[in-house]
C-alpha cells in the first residue's frame, strides 16, 4: 500500500511541475506579445512570431522578446 501511495504522490508532483511550466510559458507568451504590440506590431504577427520561439524554463520574457524579434525580420 505504501508503494502505491508513493507512486501516486510522485505522479502528482510531476503533473504539478508540468502545469506550472506550461503556465509560465503562457504568461511569458502573453507578455512578449503585448510588448511587440506596444512596439507597433499587429496582434496576429506578434503572436505568430512568439509562437515560433521554443520557450524554456531558463528564459526570461526579454529572451522571448529578443527571439521573437528575430522572426519579425
N, C-alpha and C. Protein backbone atom coordinates (compact mmCIF):
# COMPACT_ATOMS: atom_id res chain seq x y z
N UNK A 1 0.82 -1.20 0.00
CA UNK A 1 0.00 0.00 0.00
C UNK A 1 0.87 1.26 0.00
N UNK A 2 1.96 1.28 0.71
CA UNK A 2 2.81 2.46 0.78
C UNK A 2 3.47 2.76 -0.56
N UNK A 3 3.84 1.71 -1.30
CA UNK A 3 4.45 1.90 -2.61
C UNK A 3 3.47 2.56 -3.57
N UNK A 4 2.22 2.14 -3.53
CA UNK A 4 1.20 2.76 -4.38
C UNK A 4 1.01 4.23 -4.04
N UNK A 5 1.02 4.55 -2.76
CA UNK A 5 0.88 5.94 -2.34
C UNK A 5 2.07 6.78 -2.82
N UNK A 6 3.26 6.21 -2.71
CA UNK A 6 4.46 6.92 -3.14
C UNK A 6 4.42 7.17 -4.65
N UNK A 7 3.98 6.18 -5.41
CA UNK A 7 3.88 6.35 -6.86
C UNK A 7 2.85 7.40 -7.23
N UNK A 8 1.74 7.40 -6.53
CA UNK A 8 0.70 8.39 -6.79
C UNK A 8 1.20 9.79 -6.46
N UNK A 9 1.90 9.95 -5.35
CA UNK A 9 2.44 11.25 -4.97
C UNK A 9 3.46 11.73 -5.99
N UNK A 10 4.29 10.83 -6.48
CA UNK A 10 5.28 11.20 -7.50
C UNK A 10 4.59 11.63 -8.78
N UNK A 11 3.58 10.90 -9.20
CA UNK A 11 2.83 11.25 -10.41
C UNK A 11 2.18 12.61 -10.26
N UNK A 12 1.63 12.89 -9.11
CA UNK A 12 1.00 14.20 -8.86
C UNK A 12 2.04 15.31 -8.90
N UNK A 13 3.21 15.08 -8.34
CA UNK A 13 4.27 16.09 -8.34
C UNK A 13 4.73 16.39 -9.76
N UNK A 14 4.88 15.36 -10.57
CA UNK A 14 5.28 15.55 -11.96
C UNK A 14 4.23 16.35 -12.72
N UNK A 15 2.97 16.03 -12.52
CA UNK A 15 1.90 16.76 -13.19
C UNK A 15 1.86 18.22 -12.76
N UNK A 16 2.04 18.48 -11.47
CA UNK A 16 2.05 19.85 -10.98
C UNK A 16 3.20 20.65 -11.58
N UNK A 17 4.36 20.02 -11.72
CA UNK A 17 5.51 20.69 -12.33
C UNK A 17 5.22 21.02 -13.78
N UNK A 18 4.64 20.09 -14.51
CA UNK A 18 4.29 20.32 -15.92
C UNK A 18 3.28 21.44 -16.04
N UNK A 19 2.28 21.47 -15.17
CA UNK A 19 1.27 22.52 -15.20
C UNK A 19 1.89 23.89 -14.92
N UNK A 20 2.81 23.95 -13.97
CA UNK A 20 3.47 25.20 -13.62
C UNK A 20 4.32 25.69 -14.78
N UNK A 21 5.05 24.81 -15.43
CA UNK A 21 5.88 25.18 -16.57
C UNK A 21 5.03 25.70 -17.71
N UNK A 22 3.93 25.04 -17.98
CA UNK A 22 3.04 25.48 -19.05
C UNK A 22 2.44 26.84 -18.72
N UNK A 23 2.10 27.06 -17.47
CA UNK A 23 1.54 28.35 -17.06
C UNK A 23 2.55 29.47 -17.22
N UNK A 24 3.81 29.19 -16.87
CA UNK A 24 4.86 30.20 -17.02
C UNK A 24 5.08 30.52 -18.50
N UNK A 25 5.07 29.51 -19.35
CA UNK A 25 5.26 29.72 -20.79
C UNK A 25 4.11 30.55 -21.34
N UNK A 26 2.89 30.27 -20.92
CA UNK A 26 1.73 31.04 -21.39
C UNK A 26 1.82 32.49 -20.93
N UNK A 27 2.27 32.69 -19.71
CA UNK A 27 2.40 34.05 -19.19
C UNK A 27 3.46 34.82 -19.97
N UNK A 28 4.60 34.17 -20.22
CA UNK A 28 5.66 34.82 -20.98
C UNK A 28 5.22 35.11 -22.41
N UNK A 29 4.47 34.19 -23.00
CA UNK A 29 3.96 34.40 -24.36
C UNK A 29 3.09 35.65 -24.40
N UNK A 30 2.17 35.76 -23.45
CA UNK A 30 1.29 36.92 -23.40
C UNK A 30 2.04 38.23 -23.21
N UNK A 31 3.03 38.22 -22.32
CA UNK A 31 3.80 39.43 -22.07
C UNK A 31 4.63 39.82 -23.29
N UNK A 32 5.21 38.83 -23.97
CA UNK A 32 6.01 39.12 -25.16
C UNK A 32 5.13 39.67 -26.28
N UNK A 33 3.94 39.10 -26.45
CA UNK A 33 3.01 39.60 -27.47
C UNK A 33 2.62 41.04 -27.15
N UNK A 34 2.32 41.32 -25.90
CA UNK A 34 1.95 42.69 -25.50
C UNK A 34 3.09 43.66 -25.79
N UNK A 35 4.32 43.24 -25.53
CA UNK A 35 5.47 44.10 -25.77
C UNK A 35 5.62 44.39 -27.27
N UNK A 36 5.46 43.36 -28.10
CA UNK A 36 5.56 43.56 -29.55
C UNK A 36 4.45 44.48 -30.06
N UNK A 37 3.26 44.32 -29.52
CA UNK A 37 2.14 45.20 -29.91
C UNK A 37 2.45 46.64 -29.50
N UNK A 38 3.04 46.81 -28.32
CA UNK A 38 3.41 48.14 -27.85
C UNK A 38 4.48 48.76 -28.76
N UNK A 39 5.28 47.91 -29.40
CA UNK A 39 6.30 48.40 -30.33
C UNK A 39 5.72 48.71 -31.72
N UNK A 40 4.43 48.41 -31.90
CA UNK A 40 3.79 48.77 -33.15
C UNK A 40 3.43 47.60 -34.06
N UNK A 41 3.75 46.39 -33.66
CA UNK A 41 3.39 45.22 -34.46
C UNK A 41 1.93 44.86 -34.21
N UNK A 42 1.32 44.22 -35.18
CA UNK A 42 -0.06 43.78 -35.03
C UNK A 42 -0.15 42.56 -34.13
N UNK A 43 -1.33 42.34 -33.53
CA UNK A 43 -1.53 41.20 -32.63
C UNK A 43 -1.22 39.87 -33.31
N UNK A 44 -1.71 39.70 -34.52
CA UNK A 44 -1.55 38.43 -35.21
C UNK A 44 -0.09 38.15 -35.52
N UNK A 45 0.61 39.13 -36.09
CA UNK A 45 2.00 38.90 -36.43
C UNK A 45 2.87 38.73 -35.17
N UNK A 46 2.52 39.43 -34.10
CA UNK A 46 3.26 39.30 -32.85
C UNK A 46 3.08 37.89 -32.28
N UNK A 47 1.86 37.41 -32.29
CA UNK A 47 1.59 36.08 -31.76
C UNK A 47 2.28 35.01 -32.60
N UNK A 48 2.26 35.17 -33.91
CA UNK A 48 2.94 34.20 -34.79
C UNK A 48 4.44 34.15 -34.48
N UNK A 49 5.04 35.29 -34.29
CA UNK A 49 6.48 35.34 -34.01
C UNK A 49 6.81 34.71 -32.66
N UNK A 50 6.01 35.02 -31.65
CA UNK A 50 6.26 34.48 -30.31
C UNK A 50 6.06 32.97 -30.29
N UNK A 51 5.09 32.48 -31.02
CA UNK A 51 4.83 31.04 -31.06
C UNK A 51 5.98 30.26 -31.71
N UNK A 52 6.80 30.92 -32.49
CA UNK A 52 7.93 30.27 -33.13
C UNK A 52 9.10 30.05 -32.16
N UNK A 53 9.07 30.75 -31.05
CA UNK A 53 10.14 30.65 -30.05
C UNK A 53 9.92 29.42 -29.18
N UNK A 54 10.96 28.63 -29.00
CA UNK A 54 10.89 27.49 -28.10
C UNK A 54 11.23 28.00 -26.69
N UNK A 55 10.20 28.19 -25.89
CA UNK A 55 10.36 28.77 -24.55
C UNK A 55 10.82 27.70 -23.57
N UNK A 56 11.90 28.00 -22.86
CA UNK A 56 12.41 27.08 -21.84
C UNK A 56 12.26 27.73 -20.47
N UNK A 57 12.44 26.94 -19.44
CA UNK A 57 12.30 27.45 -18.07
C UNK A 57 13.36 28.50 -17.74
N UNK A 58 14.51 28.42 -18.41
CA UNK A 58 15.60 29.35 -18.12
C UNK A 58 15.41 30.72 -18.76
N UNK A 59 14.47 30.83 -19.68
CA UNK A 59 14.28 32.08 -20.42
C UNK A 59 13.48 33.09 -19.63
N UNK A 60 13.82 34.36 -19.86
CA UNK A 60 13.03 35.46 -19.31
C UNK A 60 12.12 35.99 -20.42
N UNK A 61 11.23 36.88 -20.05
CA UNK A 61 10.36 37.50 -21.05
C UNK A 61 11.21 38.25 -22.07
N UNK A 62 12.28 38.89 -21.60
CA UNK A 62 13.16 39.62 -22.50
C UNK A 62 13.80 38.69 -23.52
N UNK A 63 14.18 37.49 -23.08
CA UNK A 63 14.75 36.50 -24.01
C UNK A 63 13.74 36.10 -25.08
N UNK A 64 12.51 35.88 -24.64
CA UNK A 64 11.44 35.51 -25.58
C UNK A 64 11.21 36.65 -26.57
N UNK A 65 11.21 37.87 -26.07
CA UNK A 65 11.01 39.03 -26.92
C UNK A 65 12.13 39.15 -27.95
N UNK A 66 13.38 38.99 -27.51
CA UNK A 66 14.52 39.06 -28.44
C UNK A 66 14.40 38.01 -29.54
N UNK A 67 14.09 36.78 -29.15
CA UNK A 67 13.96 35.72 -30.14
C UNK A 67 12.79 36.00 -31.09
N UNK A 68 11.71 36.52 -30.56
CA UNK A 68 10.55 36.85 -31.38
C UNK A 68 10.88 37.92 -32.40
N UNK A 69 11.63 38.90 -31.99
CA UNK A 69 12.01 39.98 -32.91
C UNK A 69 12.85 39.45 -34.07
N UNK A 70 13.64 38.43 -33.82
CA UNK A 70 14.43 37.83 -34.90
C UNK A 70 13.52 37.24 -35.97
N UNK A 71 12.37 36.69 -35.57
CA UNK A 71 11.43 36.14 -36.52
C UNK A 71 10.64 37.23 -37.26
N UNK A 72 10.66 38.43 -36.72
CA UNK A 72 9.93 39.53 -37.35
C UNK A 72 10.70 40.09 -38.55
N UNK A 73 11.98 39.84 -38.62
CA UNK A 73 12.81 40.41 -39.70
C UNK A 73 12.70 39.65 -40.96
